Amino acid sequence: MRTGHLEFLWTDSVAGLPRMGLIVPKFQSTGVARNRLRRRLKELWRREVQGTTPPLDLLVRARRDAYAASFSMLRSEVHAWRAAVVGSLDAAP
């Protein structure tokens, strides 16, 4: 699934719990900017998604525009992904 600032890839978790991996490319940005974006995404995962997500392995790749995105914009995109995944899992037979 692709949003304006993030790309999401996921599969069932063999570990039996939700896990997340991050890819934050340089895109000619500073290390400070990369770490800030990484910390924001990790915090969203830890506080708002991890405890309510089924056992999935998730890979999140930040797109170039993610560096300029606000925390609330990233939050809405992560929540949109979660709603789409939970909705599709609930609809599965």
N, C-alpha and C. Protein backbone atom coordinates (compact mmCIF):
# COMPACT_ATOMS: atom_id res chain seq x y z
N MET A 1 0.85 -1.17 0.00
CA MET A 1 0.00 0.00 0.00
C MET A 1 0.90 1.23 0.00
N ARG A 2 0.56 2.20 -0.80
CA ARG A 2 1.35 3.42 -0.91
C ARG A 2 0.48 4.62 -0.54
N THR A 3 1.02 5.46 0.32
CA THR A 3 0.35 6.70 0.68
C THR A 3 1.21 7.86 0.16
N GLY A 4 0.85 9.06 0.51
CA GLY A 4 1.59 10.22 0.03
C GLY A 4 3.03 10.28 0.50
N HIS A 5 3.32 9.75 1.69
CA HIS A 5 4.65 9.86 2.26
C HIS A 5 5.30 8.52 2.60
N LEU A 6 4.51 7.45 2.64
CA LEU A 6 5.03 6.16 3.09
C LEU A 6 4.59 5.03 2.17
N GLU A 7 5.38 3.97 2.16
CA GLU A 7 5.00 2.73 1.47
C GLU A 7 4.99 1.62 2.52
N PHE A 8 3.95 0.77 2.47
CA PHE A 8 3.79 -0.30 3.44
C PHE A 8 3.79 -1.65 2.72
N LEU A 9 4.58 -2.58 3.22
CA LEU A 9 4.55 -3.97 2.77
C LEU A 9 4.40 -4.83 4.01
N TRP A 10 3.57 -5.86 3.96
CA TRP A 10 3.38 -6.69 5.13
C TRP A 10 3.07 -8.12 4.74
N THR A 11 3.30 -9.00 5.69
CA THR A 11 3.02 -10.42 5.54
C THR A 11 2.73 -10.98 6.92
N ASP A 12 2.19 -12.18 6.97
CA ASP A 12 1.94 -12.82 8.26
C ASP A 12 3.26 -13.02 9.00
N SER A 13 3.21 -12.85 10.30
CA SER A 13 4.41 -12.98 11.12
C SER A 13 4.61 -14.42 11.56
N VAL A 14 5.81 -14.94 11.34
CA VAL A 14 6.12 -16.28 11.82
C VAL A 14 6.43 -16.25 13.31
N ALA A 15 6.70 -15.07 13.85
CA ALA A 15 7.02 -14.92 15.27
C ALA A 15 5.75 -14.91 16.14
N GLY A 16 4.59 -14.69 15.51
CA GLY A 16 3.35 -14.67 16.26
C GLY A 16 3.05 -13.36 16.95
N LEU A 17 3.78 -12.30 16.59
CA LEU A 17 3.55 -10.98 17.16
C LEU A 17 3.85 -9.94 16.10
N PRO A 18 3.28 -8.74 16.23
CA PRO A 18 3.54 -7.71 15.22
C PRO A 18 4.95 -7.14 15.33
N ARG A 19 5.61 -7.00 14.17
CA ARG A 19 6.96 -6.44 14.12
C ARG A 19 7.03 -5.43 12.98
N MET A 20 7.91 -4.45 13.13
CA MET A 20 8.06 -3.43 12.10
C MET A 20 9.52 -3.23 11.76
N GLY A 21 9.80 -3.08 10.46
CA GLY A 21 11.11 -2.68 9.98
C GLY A 21 10.98 -1.36 9.24
N LEU A 22 12.00 -0.54 9.31
CA LEU A 22 11.96 0.78 8.68
C LEU A 22 13.05 0.92 7.62
N ILE A 23 12.71 1.55 6.52
CA ILE A 23 13.69 1.97 5.53
C ILE A 23 13.51 3.47 5.38
N VAL A 24 14.54 4.21 5.75
CA VAL A 24 14.52 5.66 5.62
C VAL A 24 15.74 6.05 4.78
N PRO A 25 15.56 6.13 3.45
CA PRO A 25 16.70 6.47 2.58
C PRO A 25 17.21 7.89 2.84
N LYS A 26 18.44 8.13 2.44
CA LYS A 26 19.06 9.43 2.68
C LYS A 26 18.38 10.55 1.90
N PHE A 27 18.12 10.36 0.63
CA PHE A 27 17.52 11.40 -0.22
C PHE A 27 18.22 12.73 -0.03
N GLN A 28 19.52 12.71 0.11
CA GLN A 28 20.35 13.91 0.28
C GLN A 28 19.92 14.75 1.49
N SER A 29 19.41 14.09 2.52
CA SER A 29 19.04 14.77 3.76
C SER A 29 20.12 14.52 4.81
N THR A 30 20.08 15.30 5.86
CA THR A 30 21.07 15.15 6.92
C THR A 30 20.73 13.95 7.80
N GLY A 31 21.70 13.51 8.56
CA GLY A 31 21.48 12.43 9.51
C GLY A 31 20.46 12.82 10.57
N VAL A 32 20.45 14.08 10.94
CA VAL A 32 19.49 14.58 11.93
C VAL A 32 18.06 14.40 11.40
N ALA A 33 17.84 14.76 10.15
CA ALA A 33 16.51 14.63 9.55
C ALA A 33 16.09 13.17 9.44
N ARG A 34 17.02 12.32 9.04
CA ARG A 34 16.71 10.88 8.93
C ARG A 34 16.35 10.30 10.29
N ASN A 35 17.12 10.63 11.32
CA ASN A 35 16.84 10.11 12.65
C ASN A 35 15.53 10.64 13.21
N ARG A 36 15.20 11.90 12.92
CA ARG A 36 13.94 12.47 13.38
C ARG A 36 12.77 11.72 12.75
N LEU A 37 12.84 11.48 11.46
CA LEU A 37 11.78 10.75 10.77
C LEU A 37 11.67 9.33 11.30
N ARG A 38 12.79 8.67 11.50
CA ARG A 38 12.80 7.31 12.05
C ARG A 38 12.19 7.28 13.45
N ARG A 39 12.55 8.24 14.29
CA ARG A 39 11.98 8.30 15.65
C ARG A 39 10.48 8.53 15.62
N ARG A 40 10.02 9.39 14.73
CA ARG A 40 8.58 9.63 14.63
C ARG A 40 7.83 8.36 14.25
N LEU A 41 8.33 7.64 13.27
CA LEU A 41 7.65 6.42 12.83
C LEU A 41 7.69 5.33 13.91
N LYS A 42 8.82 5.20 14.59
CA LYS A 42 8.91 4.22 15.68
C LYS A 42 7.94 4.55 16.81
N GLU A 43 7.82 5.82 17.12
CA GLU A 43 6.92 6.24 18.19
C GLU A 43 5.46 5.97 17.81
N LEU A 44 5.10 6.24 16.58
CA LEU A 44 3.74 5.92 16.12
C LEU A 44 3.47 4.43 16.25
N TRP A 45 4.41 3.63 15.84
CA TRP A 45 4.27 2.18 15.92
C TRP A 45 4.11 1.74 17.37
N ARG A 46 4.99 2.21 18.23
CA ARG A 46 5.00 1.77 19.62
C ARG A 46 3.74 2.19 20.38
N ARG A 47 3.34 3.46 20.23
CA ARG A 47 2.23 3.99 21.03
C ARG A 47 0.86 3.69 20.48
N GLU A 48 0.70 3.62 19.16
CA GLU A 48 -0.64 3.61 18.60
C GLU A 48 -0.98 2.40 17.73
N VAL A 49 0.00 1.65 17.30
CA VAL A 49 -0.31 0.59 16.34
C VAL A 49 0.04 -0.80 16.86
N GLN A 50 1.18 -0.96 17.44
CA GLN A 50 1.69 -2.27 17.81
C GLN A 50 0.73 -3.09 18.67
N GLY A 51 0.14 -2.47 19.67
CA GLY A 51 -0.72 -3.21 20.59
C GLY A 51 -2.05 -3.63 20.01
N THR A 52 -2.46 -3.02 18.91
CA THR A 52 -3.78 -3.32 18.34
C THR A 52 -3.70 -3.94 16.95
N THR A 53 -2.51 -4.35 16.55
CA THR A 53 -2.32 -4.93 15.22
C THR A 53 -2.19 -6.44 15.33
N PRO A 54 -2.80 -7.19 14.41
CA PRO A 54 -2.62 -8.63 14.42
C PRO A 54 -1.16 -8.99 14.13
N PRO A 55 -0.77 -10.24 14.34
CA PRO A 55 0.63 -10.62 14.12
C PRO A 55 1.03 -10.49 12.65
N LEU A 56 1.71 -9.42 12.35
CA LEU A 56 2.19 -9.14 10.99
C LEU A 56 3.63 -8.68 11.05
N ASP A 57 4.37 -8.95 9.98
CA ASP A 57 5.68 -8.35 9.77
C ASP A 57 5.45 -7.20 8.80
N LEU A 58 5.74 -6.00 9.23
CA LEU A 58 5.50 -4.80 8.45
C LEU A 58 6.82 -4.15 8.08
N LEU A 59 6.92 -3.73 6.82
CA LEU A 59 8.05 -2.95 6.36
C LEU A 59 7.51 -1.61 5.91
N VAL A 60 8.05 -0.54 6.49
CA VAL A 60 7.64 0.83 6.15
C VAL A 60 8.83 1.50 5.47
N ARG A 61 8.59 2.00 4.27
CA ARG A 61 9.62 2.73 3.53
C ARG A 61 9.17 4.18 3.39
N ALA A 62 10.01 5.07 3.88
CA ALA A 62 9.70 6.50 3.79
C ALA A 62 10.03 6.99 2.38
N ARG A 63 9.13 7.77 1.82
CA ARG A 63 9.36 8.39 0.52
C ARG A 63 10.01 9.76 0.74
N ARG A 64 10.50 10.35 -0.32
CA ARG A 64 11.21 11.62 -0.23
C ARG A 64 10.38 12.70 0.48
N ASP A 65 9.09 12.74 0.21
CA ASP A 65 8.21 13.77 0.80
C ASP A 65 8.00 13.58 2.30
N ALA A 66 8.33 12.41 2.84
CA ALA A 66 8.10 12.16 4.26
C ALA A 66 8.95 13.05 5.15
N TYR A 67 10.10 13.50 4.64
CA TYR A 67 10.95 14.38 5.44
C TYR A 67 10.25 15.69 5.79
N ALA A 68 9.39 16.16 4.91
CA ALA A 68 8.70 17.43 5.14
C ALA A 68 7.32 17.26 5.79
N ALA A 69 6.89 16.02 5.99
CA ALA A 69 5.56 15.75 6.53
C ALA A 69 5.51 16.04 8.03
N SER A 70 4.37 16.51 8.46
CA SER A 70 4.18 16.75 9.90
C SER A 70 3.89 15.42 10.60
N PHE A 71 4.05 15.43 11.91
CA PHE A 71 3.77 14.23 12.69
C PHE A 71 2.31 13.80 12.51
N SER A 72 1.39 14.76 12.48
CA SER A 72 -0.02 14.41 12.33
C SER A 72 -0.31 13.80 10.96
N MET A 73 0.38 14.24 9.92
CA MET A 73 0.19 13.66 8.59
C MET A 73 0.71 12.21 8.57
N LEU A 74 1.88 11.98 9.13
CA LEU A 74 2.41 10.61 9.21
C LEU A 74 1.46 9.73 10.03
N ARG A 75 0.96 10.29 11.11
CA ARG A 75 0.03 9.55 11.97
C ARG A 75 -1.21 9.13 11.20
N SER A 76 -1.79 10.05 10.43
CA SER A 76 -3.01 9.71 9.68
C SER A 76 -2.73 8.65 8.63
N GLU A 77 -1.55 8.67 8.01
CA GLU A 77 -1.23 7.65 7.02
C GLU A 77 -1.01 6.29 7.66
N VAL A 78 -0.38 6.26 8.81
CA VAL A 78 -0.19 4.98 9.52
C VAL A 78 -1.54 4.43 9.96
N HIS A 79 -2.42 5.28 10.45
CA HIS A 79 -3.74 4.83 10.87
C HIS A 79 -4.57 4.37 9.68
N ALA A 80 -4.42 5.02 8.53
CA ALA A 80 -5.14 4.58 7.32
C ALA A 80 -4.66 3.19 6.90
N TRP A 81 -3.35 2.94 6.99
CA TRP A 81 -2.83 1.60 6.68
C TRP A 81 -3.42 0.58 7.64
N ARG A 82 -3.40 0.89 8.93
CA ARG A 82 -3.91 -0.06 9.92
C ARG A 82 -5.38 -0.36 9.69
N ALA A 83 -6.18 0.66 9.39
CA ALA A 83 -7.60 0.46 9.14
C ALA A 83 -7.82 -0.42 7.91
N ALA A 84 -7.03 -0.22 6.89
CA ALA A 84 -7.15 -1.04 5.67
C ALA A 84 -6.77 -2.50 5.94
N VAL A 85 -5.73 -2.70 6.72
CA VAL A 85 -5.26 -4.07 7.00
C VAL A 85 -6.25 -4.79 7.91
N VAL A 86 -6.67 -4.16 8.98
CA VAL A 86 -7.62 -4.79 9.90
C VAL A 86 -8.93 -5.07 9.19
N GLY A 87 -9.38 -4.13 8.36
CA GLY A 87 -10.61 -4.34 7.60
C GLY A 87 -10.50 -5.51 6.65
N SER A 88 -9.35 -5.66 5.99
CA SER A 88 -9.19 -6.77 5.04
C SER A 88 -9.05 -8.11 5.78
N LEU A 89 -8.43 -8.09 6.97
CA LEU A 89 -8.31 -9.32 7.74
C LEU A 89 -9.65 -9.75 8.32
N ASP A 90 -10.48 -8.77 8.73
CA ASP A 90 -11.80 -9.09 9.25
C ASP A 90 -12.71 -9.65 8.17
N ALA A 91 -12.52 -9.22 6.93
CA ALA A 91 -13.37 -9.66 5.82
C ALA A 91 -12.92 -11.02 5.28
N ALA A 92 -11.72 -11.46 5.60
CA ALA A 92 -11.23 -12.76 5.11
C ALA A 92 -12.03 -13.89 5.71
N PRO A 93 -12.27 -14.95 4.93
CA PRO A 93 -13.07 -16.08 5.45
C PRO A 93 -12.34 -16.90 6.49
